[in-house]
Amino acid sequence: MRLKHIIFGHRLVARALVRAASTLVSTLGLISHCLRLRRSVGRAILPAAAFRRLGCLVGQDAILRPDCQSVQPDPVRPVRLSAAIALLLAALTLTACRQDMHDQPRFIPLRPSGFFEDGRSERPLIEGTVARGHLNDDLALYTGRGPDGKPLDTFPFPVTKDVVARGQERFNVYCSPCHDRTGNGDGMVVRRGYRHPPSYHTDQIRDLANGYIFDVITNGFGAMPDYAAQIPVRDRWAIVAYVRALQLSENASVNDVPAEDRSKLGGAK
């Protein structure tokens, strides 16, 4: 890796030298051309406007014509050598310092580095770093666990009819392909060969804490993948609420129905 850095540095120096040499050749050529033109004319080069004011016929180069030799306008002071040298040094300095973005030293992602002790170019986050929008300071809401680390058997916010309806909608989208819409575990994916999940209506699943079901949705379990990226936190809790509603619908008795609604059930017990 160090050899690569040395070769890369040499390439940068070589490119800077090439640019500096090119600028030097161009500047020296311009100075040489001006000197040759001055020697061939024998006098200072004047702007064309000065000759026109004197009534002389001049060409585009504004060189003194023979019929105007008796006229002696104020000559233009030639460029001094010191100014030319200063301009040349400034051009060389700016050229040598130029470095394109595509030439900057960099590491390709996940490449090793000999600069750091752990050998990694990708630096780990500083302890305590929190990404914007991901503070997640409500332990119960974001983890489903209490201060003691055990799964909660409650909900972190009130469960209303709208929450259960939202849970049903999200359940039908993400959960029913495996668990089917009744929670018996006979979804369309399972019918085509995927592992059969347990039914929600067994005593083992009914006895699970709400926080445990939330954790399974968040982190996955067994053949079930996690859905943290697909389902927001509150929607996961809404799904847990709807799962409880499914379980209650399959194991409820007449006594669980409000008295004013029991007449609507007919002869159910």
Foldseek 3Di string as FASTA:
>chain_A
DVVVVVVLVVVLQVQLVVQLVVLVVVLVVVVVVVVVVCVVLVAAADQLVVVVVVVDDDDNRRRDDPVCPVDDDDGDDDDDPVVSVVVSVVSSVVSNPDDDPVSDDDDDAQQFDPPDPVRTPDDDDDPPDDDPPGPPPPCCLPQCADPVRDHAQDHPDDDDPVLLVLLLVVCCVPPCQQLNSLQCRPHVVVVVPDDGDHRCQDPVNLPDGLSVQLNCQQCNDDPGHHCPPPAPRSSSSSNSVNSNVSNCVVDPALVVDDPVCSVVVPPGD
